[in-house]
């Protein structure tokens, strides 16, 4: 099994970080696990840590004043979430939910700031990551822009499947419909079309992707 420093080396945001800084992060990082549906953080909560995703996929979303959940993007292993809050001391800007089984290495705000005092390069790294994510990582938005509903569903399933065992996605139709912004009956109809095209196999609350 890989140690914490080796796992941090695989993080995209840390790819150009000196080994001495990685060693400091690994010494204070703790392993957390989340089951599907569990929240890593809630919008407007205090920003008290950063999560480095080492396994699984998470959904980042916002809530409108009327209670509507707006999916923003999906993040997966090798990416981080919550990095800006501890730096800016501002509340969480989004809710983050585990979509599959998720494992993260967590570094607290206090420990992160102590490391940044001696390794200021981290501040620039996190700012660059945020800018890159805004430009390139809004996968949910790109999926929602697709007009053909079965194609929307197919793009989403391809994005999710690598993070579920045997490419079998055990998410409800309600959750999948929420992710692409349609009603559950319309999503179910699109899934049946994909099944007739032999792209997926449907069973109760389980979708197995048969081809990419």
N, C-alpha and C. Protein backbone atom coordinates (compact mmCIF):
# COMPACT_ATOMS: atom_id res chain seq x y z
N UNK A 1 0.83 -1.19 0.00
CA UNK A 1 0.00 0.00 0.00
C UNK A 1 0.88 1.26 0.00
N UNK A 2 0.48 2.25 -0.77
CA UNK A 2 1.25 3.49 -0.88
C UNK A 2 1.16 4.27 0.42
N UNK A 3 2.26 4.94 0.78
CA UNK A 3 2.22 5.80 1.94
C UNK A 3 1.63 7.16 1.56
N UNK A 4 1.42 8.00 2.56
CA UNK A 4 0.74 9.27 2.32
C UNK A 4 1.54 10.18 1.38
N UNK A 5 2.84 10.18 1.51
CA UNK A 5 3.65 11.04 0.63
C UNK A 5 3.54 10.60 -0.82
N UNK A 6 3.55 9.29 -1.06
CA UNK A 6 3.40 8.79 -2.43
C UNK A 6 2.03 9.16 -2.99
N UNK A 7 0.99 9.09 -2.17
CA UNK A 7 -0.35 9.45 -2.62
C UNK A 7 -0.43 10.94 -2.95
N UNK A 8 0.21 11.77 -2.16
CA UNK A 8 0.20 13.21 -2.43
C UNK A 8 0.96 13.54 -3.71
N UNK A 9 2.00 12.76 -4.03
CA UNK A 9 2.75 12.98 -5.26
C UNK A 9 1.87 12.82 -6.50
N UNK A 10 0.79 12.04 -6.38
CA UNK A 10 -0.09 11.79 -7.51
C UNK A 10 -1.14 12.88 -7.69
N UNK A 11 -1.18 13.85 -6.78
CA UNK A 11 -2.14 14.94 -6.88
C UNK A 11 -1.68 15.94 -7.95
N UNK A 12 -2.58 16.26 -8.87
CA UNK A 12 -2.23 17.17 -9.95
C UNK A 12 -1.76 18.52 -9.42
N UNK A 13 -2.42 18.98 -8.37
CA UNK A 13 -2.10 20.30 -7.83
C UNK A 13 -0.71 20.34 -7.20
N UNK A 14 -0.18 19.19 -6.84
CA UNK A 14 1.10 19.13 -6.14
C UNK A 14 2.23 18.60 -7.02
N UNK A 15 2.01 18.50 -8.31
CA UNK A 15 2.99 17.85 -9.18
C UNK A 15 4.33 18.58 -9.26
N UNK A 16 4.33 19.90 -9.01
CA UNK A 16 5.58 20.65 -9.08
C UNK A 16 6.06 21.12 -7.71
N UNK A 17 5.54 20.50 -6.67
CA UNK A 17 5.89 20.87 -5.30
C UNK A 17 7.19 20.17 -4.89
N UNK A 18 8.11 20.86 -4.23
CA UNK A 18 9.34 20.21 -3.76
C UNK A 18 9.04 19.05 -2.83
N UNK A 19 9.90 18.05 -2.85
CA UNK A 19 9.70 16.87 -2.02
C UNK A 19 9.67 17.22 -0.54
N UNK A 20 10.40 18.26 -0.14
CA UNK A 20 10.41 18.66 1.27
C UNK A 20 9.02 19.16 1.70
N UNK A 21 8.33 19.86 0.79
CA UNK A 21 6.98 20.34 1.10
C UNK A 21 5.99 19.18 1.14
N UNK A 22 6.14 18.23 0.21
CA UNK A 22 5.28 17.05 0.23
C UNK A 22 5.45 16.27 1.54
N UNK A 23 6.67 16.19 2.01
CA UNK A 23 6.93 15.48 3.27
C UNK A 23 6.21 16.16 4.43
N UNK A 24 6.24 17.49 4.45
CA UNK A 24 5.55 18.22 5.52
C UNK A 24 4.04 17.99 5.45
N UNK A 25 3.48 18.02 4.24
CA UNK A 25 2.04 17.79 4.09
C UNK A 25 1.66 16.38 4.52
N UNK A 26 2.49 15.41 4.16
CA UNK A 26 2.16 14.01 4.49
C UNK A 26 2.18 13.78 6.00
N UNK A 27 3.02 14.51 6.70
CA UNK A 27 3.14 14.33 8.15
C UNK A 27 1.88 14.78 8.89
N UNK A 28 1.16 15.75 8.31
CA UNK A 28 -0.03 16.29 8.99
C UNK A 28 -1.33 15.84 8.34
N UNK A 29 -1.25 15.10 7.23
CA UNK A 29 -2.45 14.66 6.53
C UNK A 29 -3.07 13.45 7.22
N UNK A 30 -4.40 13.40 7.27
CA UNK A 30 -5.11 12.26 7.84
C UNK A 30 -6.04 11.67 6.78
N UNK A 31 -6.21 10.36 6.83
CA UNK A 31 -7.05 9.66 5.86
C UNK A 31 -8.51 9.68 6.30
N UNK A 32 -9.40 10.10 5.39
CA UNK A 32 -10.85 10.09 5.64
C UNK A 32 -11.54 9.27 4.56
N UNK A 33 -12.63 8.59 4.92
CA UNK A 33 -13.42 7.82 3.95
C UNK A 33 -14.86 8.30 3.99
N UNK A 34 -15.51 8.26 2.84
CA UNK A 34 -16.90 8.70 2.70
C UNK A 34 -17.65 7.71 1.82
N UNK A 35 -18.86 7.37 2.22
CA UNK A 35 -19.72 6.52 1.42
C UNK A 35 -20.56 7.39 0.49
N UNK A 36 -21.10 6.81 -0.60
CA UNK A 36 -21.93 7.59 -1.52
C UNK A 36 -23.06 8.32 -0.79
N UNK A 37 -23.21 9.59 -1.07
CA UNK A 37 -24.24 10.40 -0.43
C UNK A 37 -23.74 11.19 0.76
N UNK A 38 -22.60 10.81 1.32
CA UNK A 38 -22.04 11.56 2.45
C UNK A 38 -21.42 12.87 1.96
N UNK A 39 -21.49 13.90 2.81
CA UNK A 39 -20.96 15.21 2.46
C UNK A 39 -19.55 15.39 3.03
N UNK A 40 -18.66 15.87 2.18
CA UNK A 40 -17.32 16.21 2.64
C UNK A 40 -17.33 17.59 3.29
N UNK A 41 -18.20 18.47 2.78
CA UNK A 41 -18.32 19.82 3.31
C UNK A 41 -19.64 20.42 2.84
N UNK A 42 -20.10 21.43 3.57
CA UNK A 42 -21.36 22.10 3.26
C UNK A 42 -21.11 23.57 2.92
N UNK A 43 -21.88 24.06 1.97
CA UNK A 43 -21.84 25.47 1.60
C UNK A 43 -22.10 26.35 2.84
N UNK A 44 -21.31 27.39 2.96
CA UNK A 44 -21.39 28.37 4.06
C UNK A 44 -20.78 27.89 5.37
N UNK A 45 -20.33 26.64 5.44
CA UNK A 45 -19.63 26.20 6.64
C UNK A 45 -18.26 26.86 6.74
N UNK A 46 -17.67 26.80 7.92
CA UNK A 46 -16.33 27.31 8.12
C UNK A 46 -15.34 26.47 7.32
N UNK A 47 -14.40 27.15 6.68
CA UNK A 47 -13.39 26.46 5.86
C UNK A 47 -12.24 26.04 6.75
N UNK A 48 -12.24 24.78 7.16
CA UNK A 48 -11.24 24.35 8.14
C UNK A 48 -10.27 23.30 7.63
N UNK A 49 -10.37 22.91 6.35
CA UNK A 49 -9.41 21.93 5.84
C UNK A 49 -9.47 21.87 4.31
N UNK A 50 -8.52 21.14 3.75
CA UNK A 50 -8.47 20.85 2.32
C UNK A 50 -8.46 19.34 2.14
N UNK A 51 -9.20 18.85 1.15
CA UNK A 51 -9.26 17.42 0.86
C UNK A 51 -8.50 17.13 -0.44
N UNK A 52 -7.56 16.21 -0.38
CA UNK A 52 -6.89 15.68 -1.57
C UNK A 52 -7.55 14.33 -1.87
N UNK A 53 -8.22 14.23 -3.01
CA UNK A 53 -8.98 13.02 -3.34
C UNK A 53 -8.03 11.94 -3.85
N UNK A 54 -8.00 10.81 -3.17
CA UNK A 54 -7.12 9.71 -3.58
C UNK A 54 -7.91 8.53 -4.13
N UNK A 55 -9.22 8.56 -3.96
CA UNK A 55 -10.06 7.51 -4.53
C UNK A 55 -11.47 8.05 -4.70
N UNK A 56 -12.10 7.75 -5.86
CA UNK A 56 -13.51 8.08 -6.04
C UNK A 56 -13.77 9.40 -6.74
N UNK A 57 -15.05 9.79 -6.71
CA UNK A 57 -15.50 10.99 -7.41
C UNK A 57 -16.52 11.72 -6.55
N UNK A 58 -16.47 13.07 -6.59
CA UNK A 58 -17.37 13.89 -5.77
C UNK A 58 -18.10 14.90 -6.65
N UNK A 59 -19.27 15.30 -6.17
CA UNK A 59 -20.07 16.33 -6.84
C UNK A 59 -19.95 17.63 -6.06
N UNK A 60 -19.67 18.72 -6.77
CA UNK A 60 -19.64 20.06 -6.18
C UNK A 60 -20.91 20.78 -6.62
N UNK A 61 -21.67 21.34 -5.66
CA UNK A 61 -22.94 21.96 -6.02
C UNK A 61 -23.22 23.17 -5.13
N UNK A 62 -24.14 24.02 -5.62
CA UNK A 62 -24.63 25.17 -4.86
C UNK A 62 -26.13 25.02 -4.65
N UNK A 63 -26.65 25.72 -3.65
CA UNK A 63 -28.09 25.74 -3.40
C UNK A 63 -28.61 27.17 -3.62
N UNK A 64 -29.67 27.28 -4.45
CA UNK A 64 -30.29 28.57 -4.67
C UNK A 64 -31.19 28.94 -3.49
N UNK A 65 -31.66 30.18 -3.47
CA UNK A 65 -32.49 30.64 -2.36
C UNK A 65 -33.77 29.82 -2.21
N UNK A 66 -34.29 29.29 -3.34
CA UNK A 66 -35.52 28.50 -3.28
C UNK A 66 -35.28 27.04 -2.93
N UNK A 67 -34.02 26.69 -2.63
CA UNK A 67 -33.70 25.32 -2.25
C UNK A 67 -33.27 24.43 -3.40
N UNK A 68 -33.28 24.95 -4.63
CA UNK A 68 -32.86 24.17 -5.79
C UNK A 68 -31.36 23.89 -5.74
N UNK A 69 -30.99 22.63 -5.96
CA UNK A 69 -29.59 22.24 -6.00
C UNK A 69 -29.07 22.40 -7.43
N UNK A 70 -27.97 23.13 -7.57
CA UNK A 70 -27.37 23.37 -8.88
C UNK A 70 -26.01 22.67 -8.94
N UNK A 71 -25.89 21.55 -9.66
CA UNK A 71 -24.59 20.88 -9.80
C UNK A 71 -23.61 21.79 -10.54
N UNK A 72 -22.37 21.82 -10.07
CA UNK A 72 -21.35 22.66 -10.69
C UNK A 72 -20.35 21.82 -11.47
N UNK A 73 -19.75 20.86 -10.79
CA UNK A 73 -18.73 20.06 -11.47
C UNK A 73 -18.51 18.75 -10.71
N UNK A 74 -17.78 17.86 -11.34
CA UNK A 74 -17.34 16.61 -10.73
C UNK A 74 -15.83 16.65 -10.56
N UNK A 75 -15.34 16.20 -9.43
CA UNK A 75 -13.91 16.11 -9.17
C UNK A 75 -13.57 14.67 -8.80
N UNK A 76 -12.38 14.23 -9.14
CA UNK A 76 -12.04 12.83 -8.95
C UNK A 76 -10.64 12.68 -8.38
N UNK A 77 -10.23 11.42 -8.21
CA UNK A 77 -8.92 11.14 -7.62
C UNK A 77 -7.82 11.87 -8.39
N UNK A 78 -6.88 12.41 -7.64
CA UNK A 78 -5.83 13.22 -8.24
C UNK A 78 -6.14 14.71 -8.18
N UNK A 79 -7.35 15.06 -7.74
CA UNK A 79 -7.73 16.46 -7.62
C UNK A 79 -8.01 16.81 -6.16
N UNK A 80 -8.07 18.10 -5.90
CA UNK A 80 -8.31 18.56 -4.53
C UNK A 80 -9.60 19.36 -4.48
N UNK A 81 -10.14 19.53 -3.27
CA UNK A 81 -11.34 20.32 -3.10
C UNK A 81 -11.27 21.02 -1.74
N UNK A 82 -11.70 22.28 -1.73
CA UNK A 82 -11.71 23.05 -0.50
C UNK A 82 -10.43 23.81 -0.24
N UNK A 83 -9.58 23.95 -1.28
CA UNK A 83 -8.27 24.54 -1.05
C UNK A 83 -8.30 26.06 -0.82
N UNK A 84 -9.30 26.76 -1.37
CA UNK A 84 -9.28 28.22 -1.28
C UNK A 84 -9.80 28.73 0.06
N UNK A 85 -10.74 28.05 0.67
CA UNK A 85 -11.30 28.51 1.93
C UNK A 85 -10.27 28.71 3.03
N UNK A 86 -9.42 27.70 3.28
CA UNK A 86 -8.41 27.88 4.33
C UNK A 86 -7.44 29.02 4.05
N UNK A 87 -7.23 29.34 2.76
CA UNK A 87 -6.30 30.42 2.41
C UNK A 87 -6.96 31.78 2.60
N UNK A 88 -8.23 31.90 2.18
CA UNK A 88 -8.92 33.19 2.24
C UNK A 88 -9.67 33.41 3.54
N UNK A 89 -9.84 32.33 4.33
CA UNK A 89 -10.63 32.39 5.57
C UNK A 89 -12.09 32.75 5.31
N UNK A 90 -12.58 32.46 4.12
CA UNK A 90 -13.98 32.69 3.80
C UNK A 90 -14.75 31.38 3.94
N UNK A 91 -16.08 31.45 4.15
CA UNK A 91 -16.88 30.22 4.28
C UNK A 91 -16.85 29.40 3.00
N UNK A 92 -17.23 28.14 3.13
CA UNK A 92 -17.27 27.26 1.97
C UNK A 92 -18.21 27.84 0.91
N UNK A 93 -17.77 27.82 -0.34
CA UNK A 93 -18.56 28.37 -1.43
C UNK A 93 -19.47 27.33 -2.07
N UNK A 94 -19.35 26.07 -1.66
CA UNK A 94 -20.15 25.01 -2.28
C UNK A 94 -20.25 23.82 -1.33
N UNK A 95 -21.23 22.96 -1.61
CA UNK A 95 -21.36 21.67 -0.92
C UNK A 95 -20.67 20.61 -1.76
N UNK A 96 -19.99 19.69 -1.11
CA UNK A 96 -19.28 18.61 -1.82
C UNK A 96 -19.79 17.28 -1.30
N UNK A 97 -20.27 16.44 -2.22
CA UNK A 97 -20.90 15.16 -1.86
C UNK A 97 -20.18 14.01 -2.55
N UNK A 98 -19.95 12.93 -1.80
CA UNK A 98 -19.37 11.73 -2.40
C UNK A 98 -20.40 11.07 -3.33
N UNK A 99 -20.00 10.83 -4.56
CA UNK A 99 -20.86 10.14 -5.52
C UNK A 99 -20.56 8.65 -5.53
N UNK A 100 -19.31 8.30 -5.37
CA UNK A 100 -18.90 6.90 -5.19
C UNK A 100 -18.27 6.78 -3.80
N UNK A 101 -17.72 5.62 -3.49
CA UNK A 101 -16.91 5.52 -2.28
C UNK A 101 -15.67 6.40 -2.48
N UNK A 102 -15.38 7.21 -1.49
CA UNK A 102 -14.33 8.23 -1.63
C UNK A 102 -13.34 8.13 -0.48
N UNK A 103 -12.07 8.29 -0.79
CA UNK A 103 -11.03 8.42 0.22
C UNK A 103 -10.28 9.72 -0.04
N UNK A 104 -10.00 10.47 1.02
CA UNK A 104 -9.25 11.71 0.88
C UNK A 104 -8.16 11.79 1.94
N UNK A 105 -7.11 12.50 1.61
CA UNK A 105 -6.13 12.91 2.59
C UNK A 105 -6.47 14.35 2.97
N UNK A 106 -6.67 14.59 4.25
CA UNK A 106 -7.15 15.89 4.72
C UNK A 106 -6.05 16.60 5.49
N UNK A 107 -5.86 17.88 5.14
CA UNK A 107 -4.91 18.74 5.86
C UNK A 107 -5.70 19.90 6.45
N UNK A 108 -5.54 20.13 7.73
CA UNK A 108 -6.30 21.18 8.39
C UNK A 108 -5.81 22.56 7.97
N UNK A 109 -6.66 23.55 8.13
CA UNK A 109 -6.33 24.93 7.80
C UNK A 109 -5.10 25.39 8.58
N UNK A 110 -5.07 25.10 9.87
CA UNK A 110 -3.95 25.56 10.70
C UNK A 110 -2.63 24.95 10.24
N UNK A 111 -2.64 23.65 9.96
CA UNK A 111 -1.42 23.01 9.49
C UNK A 111 -1.01 23.52 8.12
N UNK A 112 -1.99 23.74 7.26
CA UNK A 112 -1.70 24.24 5.92
C UNK A 112 -1.03 25.62 6.00
N UNK A 113 -1.57 26.49 6.85
CA UNK A 113 -1.01 27.84 6.96
C UNK A 113 0.40 27.81 7.54
N UNK A 114 0.66 26.90 8.47
CA UNK A 114 2.01 26.79 9.01
C UNK A 114 3.00 26.37 7.93
N UNK A 115 2.60 25.43 7.09
CA UNK A 115 3.47 24.98 6.00
C UNK A 115 3.67 26.09 4.98
N UNK A 116 2.61 26.84 4.69
CA UNK A 116 2.70 27.90 3.70
C UNK A 116 3.60 29.03 4.16
N UNK A 117 3.74 29.22 5.45
CA UNK A 117 4.64 30.26 5.96
C UNK A 117 6.09 29.98 5.58
N UNK A 118 6.45 28.70 5.56
CA UNK A 118 7.82 28.33 5.19
C UNK A 118 7.93 27.94 3.72
N UNK A 119 6.78 27.63 3.09
CA UNK A 119 6.76 27.23 1.69
C UNK A 119 5.69 28.04 0.96
N UNK A 120 5.91 29.35 0.73
CA UNK A 120 4.89 30.21 0.12
C UNK A 120 4.50 29.81 -1.29
N UNK A 121 5.26 28.92 -1.91
CA UNK A 121 4.91 28.46 -3.25
C UNK A 121 3.52 27.84 -3.29
N UNK A 122 3.08 27.27 -2.15
CA UNK A 122 1.77 26.63 -2.11
C UNK A 122 0.64 27.60 -2.41
N UNK A 123 0.76 28.84 -1.95
CA UNK A 123 -0.28 29.82 -2.18
C UNK A 123 -0.53 30.01 -3.67
N UNK A 124 0.55 30.20 -4.43
CA UNK A 124 0.42 30.37 -5.87
C UNK A 124 -0.11 29.13 -6.55
N UNK A 125 0.29 27.96 -6.05
CA UNK A 125 -0.19 26.70 -6.62
C UNK A 125 -1.70 26.59 -6.51
N UNK A 126 -2.25 26.90 -5.34
CA UNK A 126 -3.69 26.80 -5.13
C UNK A 126 -4.45 27.82 -5.97
N UNK A 127 -3.92 29.02 -6.10
CA UNK A 127 -4.58 30.03 -6.93
C UNK A 127 -4.59 29.61 -8.39
N UNK A 128 -3.49 29.03 -8.86
CA UNK A 128 -3.44 28.55 -10.24
C UNK A 128 -4.42 27.41 -10.47
N UNK A 129 -4.56 26.54 -9.46
CA UNK A 129 -5.50 25.42 -9.58
C UNK A 129 -6.92 25.91 -9.70
N UNK A 130 -7.29 26.92 -8.91
CA UNK A 130 -8.64 27.46 -8.98
C UNK A 130 -8.91 28.04 -10.36
N UNK A 131 -7.96 28.80 -10.90
CA UNK A 131 -8.13 29.39 -12.22
C UNK A 131 -8.28 28.31 -13.29
N UNK A 132 -7.46 27.27 -13.21
CA UNK A 132 -7.52 26.18 -14.17
C UNK A 132 -8.85 25.45 -14.10
N UNK A 133 -9.36 25.24 -12.87
CA UNK A 133 -10.62 24.53 -12.71
C UNK A 133 -11.78 25.31 -13.30
N UNK A 134 -11.78 26.62 -13.11
CA UNK A 134 -12.84 27.45 -13.68
C UNK A 134 -12.84 27.34 -15.19
N UNK A 135 -11.65 27.28 -15.79
CA UNK A 135 -11.56 27.24 -17.25
C UNK A 135 -11.86 25.86 -17.83
N UNK A 136 -11.44 24.81 -17.12
CA UNK A 136 -11.41 23.49 -17.76
C UNK A 136 -12.22 22.39 -17.08
N UNK A 137 -12.63 22.55 -15.85
CA UNK A 137 -13.15 21.41 -15.12
C UNK A 137 -14.66 21.38 -14.93
N UNK A 138 -15.39 22.26 -15.60
CA UNK A 138 -16.83 22.29 -15.37
C UNK A 138 -17.53 21.24 -16.24
N UNK A 139 -17.31 19.98 -15.91
CA UNK A 139 -17.82 18.88 -16.72
C UNK A 139 -19.35 18.84 -16.72
N UNK A 140 -19.96 19.10 -15.56
CA UNK A 140 -21.42 19.07 -15.49
C UNK A 140 -22.03 20.08 -16.43
N UNK A 141 -21.46 21.29 -16.47
CA UNK A 141 -21.97 22.33 -17.36
C UNK A 141 -21.88 21.89 -18.82
N UNK A 142 -20.77 21.28 -19.20
CA UNK A 142 -20.61 20.83 -20.58
C UNK A 142 -21.61 19.73 -20.92
N UNK A 143 -21.85 18.84 -19.96
CA UNK A 143 -22.83 17.78 -20.20
C UNK A 143 -24.23 18.37 -20.36
N UNK A 144 -24.56 19.33 -19.49
CA UNK A 144 -25.89 19.92 -19.55
C UNK A 144 -26.12 20.71 -20.83
N UNK A 145 -25.05 21.21 -21.44
CA UNK A 145 -25.18 21.97 -22.69
C UNK A 145 -25.55 21.06 -23.86
N UNK A 146 -25.26 19.77 -23.75
CA UNK A 146 -25.59 18.84 -24.83
C UNK A 146 -27.10 18.75 -24.97
N UNK A 147 -27.61 18.88 -26.18
CA UNK A 147 -29.05 18.98 -26.40
C UNK A 147 -29.75 17.62 -26.41
N UNK A 148 -29.10 16.59 -26.94
CA UNK A 148 -29.72 15.28 -27.09
C UNK A 148 -29.68 14.55 -25.76
N UNK A 149 -30.83 14.24 -25.16
CA UNK A 149 -30.88 13.69 -23.81
C UNK A 149 -30.13 12.38 -23.66
N UNK A 150 -30.34 11.37 -24.55
CA UNK A 150 -29.55 10.14 -24.38
C UNK A 150 -28.04 10.40 -24.42
N UNK A 151 -27.61 11.36 -25.22
CA UNK A 151 -26.19 11.70 -25.27
C UNK A 151 -25.74 12.33 -23.95
N UNK A 152 -26.60 13.17 -23.36
CA UNK A 152 -26.30 13.72 -22.04
C UNK A 152 -26.06 12.60 -21.03
N UNK A 153 -27.01 11.66 -21.01
CA UNK A 153 -26.92 10.55 -20.06
C UNK A 153 -25.67 9.72 -20.31
N UNK A 154 -25.35 9.50 -21.57
CA UNK A 154 -24.20 8.68 -21.93
C UNK A 154 -22.89 9.36 -21.51
N UNK A 155 -22.78 10.66 -21.73
CA UNK A 155 -21.59 11.40 -21.32
C UNK A 155 -21.40 11.33 -19.81
N UNK A 156 -22.51 11.47 -19.06
CA UNK A 156 -22.43 11.42 -17.61
C UNK A 156 -22.00 10.04 -17.13
N UNK A 157 -22.58 9.00 -17.70
CA UNK A 157 -22.25 7.63 -17.29
C UNK A 157 -20.79 7.31 -17.59
N UNK A 158 -20.28 7.79 -18.71
CA UNK A 158 -18.87 7.57 -19.04
C UNK A 158 -17.96 8.30 -18.05
N UNK A 159 -18.40 9.47 -17.60
CA UNK A 159 -17.61 10.22 -16.62
C UNK A 159 -17.58 9.52 -15.27
N UNK A 160 -18.71 8.91 -14.88
CA UNK A 160 -18.83 8.30 -13.56
C UNK A 160 -18.25 6.89 -13.49
N UNK A 161 -18.38 6.11 -14.54
CA UNK A 161 -18.14 4.67 -14.47
C UNK A 161 -16.74 4.27 -14.00
N UNK A 162 -15.67 5.00 -14.33
CA UNK A 162 -14.34 4.54 -13.88
C UNK A 162 -14.19 4.52 -12.36
N UNK A 163 -15.08 5.19 -11.65
CA UNK A 163 -14.93 5.32 -10.20
C UNK A 163 -15.85 4.37 -9.43
N UNK A 164 -16.49 3.45 -10.15
CA UNK A 164 -17.33 2.43 -9.53
C UNK A 164 -16.81 1.05 -9.92
N UNK A 165 -16.87 0.12 -8.98
CA UNK A 165 -16.35 -1.22 -9.22
C UNK A 165 -17.06 -1.88 -10.40
N UNK A 166 -16.29 -2.45 -11.29
CA UNK A 166 -16.79 -3.14 -12.49
C UNK A 166 -17.62 -2.21 -13.37
N UNK A 167 -17.39 -0.90 -13.26
CA UNK A 167 -18.12 0.10 -14.05
C UNK A 167 -19.63 -0.01 -13.85
N UNK A 168 -20.03 -0.46 -12.64
CA UNK A 168 -21.44 -0.57 -12.29
C UNK A 168 -21.82 0.58 -11.37
N UNK A 169 -22.59 1.51 -11.89
CA UNK A 169 -22.91 2.75 -11.18
C UNK A 169 -24.15 2.52 -10.33
N UNK A 170 -24.00 2.54 -9.01
CA UNK A 170 -25.12 2.27 -8.11
C UNK A 170 -25.71 3.58 -7.57
N UNK A 171 -26.16 4.41 -8.51
CA UNK A 171 -26.83 5.66 -8.17
C UNK A 171 -28.28 5.60 -8.62
N UNK A 172 -29.16 6.25 -7.86
CA UNK A 172 -30.57 6.27 -8.23
C UNK A 172 -30.79 7.11 -9.48
N UNK A 173 -31.90 6.83 -10.17
CA UNK A 173 -32.25 7.65 -11.33
C UNK A 173 -32.50 9.09 -10.92
N UNK A 174 -33.00 9.28 -9.69
CA UNK A 174 -33.23 10.65 -9.20
C UNK A 174 -31.92 11.43 -9.13
N UNK A 175 -30.88 10.81 -8.62
CA UNK A 175 -29.59 11.49 -8.50
C UNK A 175 -29.01 11.78 -9.88
N UNK A 176 -29.07 10.82 -10.78
CA UNK A 176 -28.55 11.04 -12.13
C UNK A 176 -29.32 12.13 -12.85
N UNK A 177 -30.64 12.14 -12.67
CA UNK A 177 -31.47 13.19 -13.28
C UNK A 177 -31.08 14.56 -12.75
N UNK A 178 -30.82 14.63 -11.46
CA UNK A 178 -30.40 15.90 -10.84
C UNK A 178 -29.10 16.40 -11.45
N UNK A 179 -28.18 15.48 -11.73
CA UNK A 179 -26.87 15.87 -12.24
C UNK A 179 -26.95 16.48 -13.63
N UNK A 180 -27.89 16.03 -14.45
CA UNK A 180 -27.96 16.58 -15.81
C UNK A 180 -29.16 17.48 -16.01
N UNK A 181 -29.92 17.76 -14.95
CA UNK A 181 -30.95 18.78 -15.01
C UNK A 181 -32.21 18.39 -15.75
N UNK A 182 -32.66 17.13 -15.55
CA UNK A 182 -33.91 16.68 -16.18
C UNK A 182 -34.75 15.97 -15.12
N UNK A 183 -35.99 15.62 -15.47
CA UNK A 183 -36.83 14.88 -14.55
C UNK A 183 -36.43 13.41 -14.55
N UNK A 184 -36.80 12.71 -13.48
CA UNK A 184 -36.47 11.29 -13.40
C UNK A 184 -37.09 10.48 -14.54
N UNK A 185 -38.39 10.68 -14.89
CA UNK A 185 -38.96 9.90 -15.99
C UNK A 185 -38.22 10.10 -17.31
N UNK A 186 -37.79 11.34 -17.58
CA UNK A 186 -37.06 11.59 -18.83
C UNK A 186 -35.69 10.91 -18.80
N UNK A 187 -35.06 10.93 -17.65
CA UNK A 187 -33.77 10.25 -17.52
C UNK A 187 -33.92 8.76 -17.71
N UNK A 188 -34.96 8.18 -17.10
CA UNK A 188 -35.20 6.74 -17.24
C UNK A 188 -35.45 6.37 -18.70
N UNK A 189 -36.19 7.20 -19.40
CA UNK A 189 -36.43 6.96 -20.83
C UNK A 189 -35.13 6.96 -21.61
N UNK A 190 -34.25 7.92 -21.31
CA UNK A 190 -32.96 7.99 -22.00
C UNK A 190 -32.11 6.76 -21.70
N UNK A 191 -32.16 6.28 -20.45
CA UNK A 191 -31.39 5.09 -20.09
C UNK A 191 -31.87 3.86 -20.84
N UNK A 192 -33.18 3.76 -21.02
CA UNK A 192 -33.71 2.61 -21.78
C UNK A 192 -33.25 2.66 -23.24
N UNK A 193 -33.13 3.86 -23.79
CA UNK A 193 -32.61 3.98 -25.15
C UNK A 193 -31.17 3.51 -25.21
N UNK A 194 -30.37 3.91 -24.23
CA UNK A 194 -28.97 3.46 -24.19
C UNK A 194 -28.87 1.95 -24.02
N UNK A 195 -29.83 1.37 -23.29
CA UNK A 195 -29.82 -0.08 -23.12
C UNK A 195 -30.13 -0.78 -24.43
N UNK A 196 -31.08 -0.25 -25.20
CA UNK A 196 -31.39 -0.87 -26.50
C UNK A 196 -30.21 -0.74 -27.47
N UNK A 197 -29.36 0.27 -27.24
CA UNK A 197 -28.16 0.44 -28.07
C UNK A 197 -27.00 -0.40 -27.55
N UNK A 198 -27.25 -1.20 -26.50
CA UNK A 198 -26.26 -2.10 -25.91
C UNK A 198 -25.05 -1.35 -25.35
N UNK A 199 -25.30 -0.14 -24.87
CA UNK A 199 -24.24 0.63 -24.22
C UNK A 199 -24.22 0.39 -22.72
N UNK A 200 -25.39 0.06 -22.16
CA UNK A 200 -25.50 -0.14 -20.72
C UNK A 200 -26.39 -1.33 -20.43
N UNK A 201 -26.33 -1.81 -19.19
CA UNK A 201 -27.23 -2.85 -18.70
C UNK A 201 -27.87 -2.34 -17.42
N UNK A 202 -29.21 -2.34 -17.37
CA UNK A 202 -29.94 -1.79 -16.26
C UNK A 202 -30.41 -2.86 -15.30
N UNK A 203 -30.30 -2.57 -14.01
CA UNK A 203 -30.94 -3.35 -12.96
C UNK A 203 -31.32 -2.38 -11.87
N UNK A 204 -31.91 -2.85 -10.78
CA UNK A 204 -32.42 -1.95 -9.75
C UNK A 204 -31.30 -1.09 -9.18
N UNK A 205 -31.45 0.24 -9.36
CA UNK A 205 -30.47 1.22 -8.86
C UNK A 205 -29.04 0.86 -9.24
N UNK A 206 -28.87 0.26 -10.40
CA UNK A 206 -27.53 -0.09 -10.86
C UNK A 206 -27.50 0.01 -12.37
N UNK A 207 -26.45 0.65 -12.87
CA UNK A 207 -26.26 0.80 -14.31
C UNK A 207 -24.85 0.34 -14.63
N UNK A 208 -24.76 -0.70 -15.41
CA UNK A 208 -23.43 -1.19 -15.81
C UNK A 208 -23.10 -0.69 -17.20
N UNK A 209 -21.98 0.01 -17.32
CA UNK A 209 -21.54 0.53 -18.62
C UNK A 209 -20.84 -0.62 -19.34
N UNK A 210 -21.34 -0.93 -20.54
CA UNK A 210 -20.84 -2.08 -21.28
C UNK A 210 -19.73 -1.70 -22.25
N UNK A 211 -19.74 -0.45 -22.74
CA UNK A 211 -18.68 -0.03 -23.66
C UNK A 211 -18.47 1.47 -23.52
N UNK A 212 -17.27 1.90 -23.89
CA UNK A 212 -16.92 3.32 -23.81
C UNK A 212 -16.90 3.92 -25.21
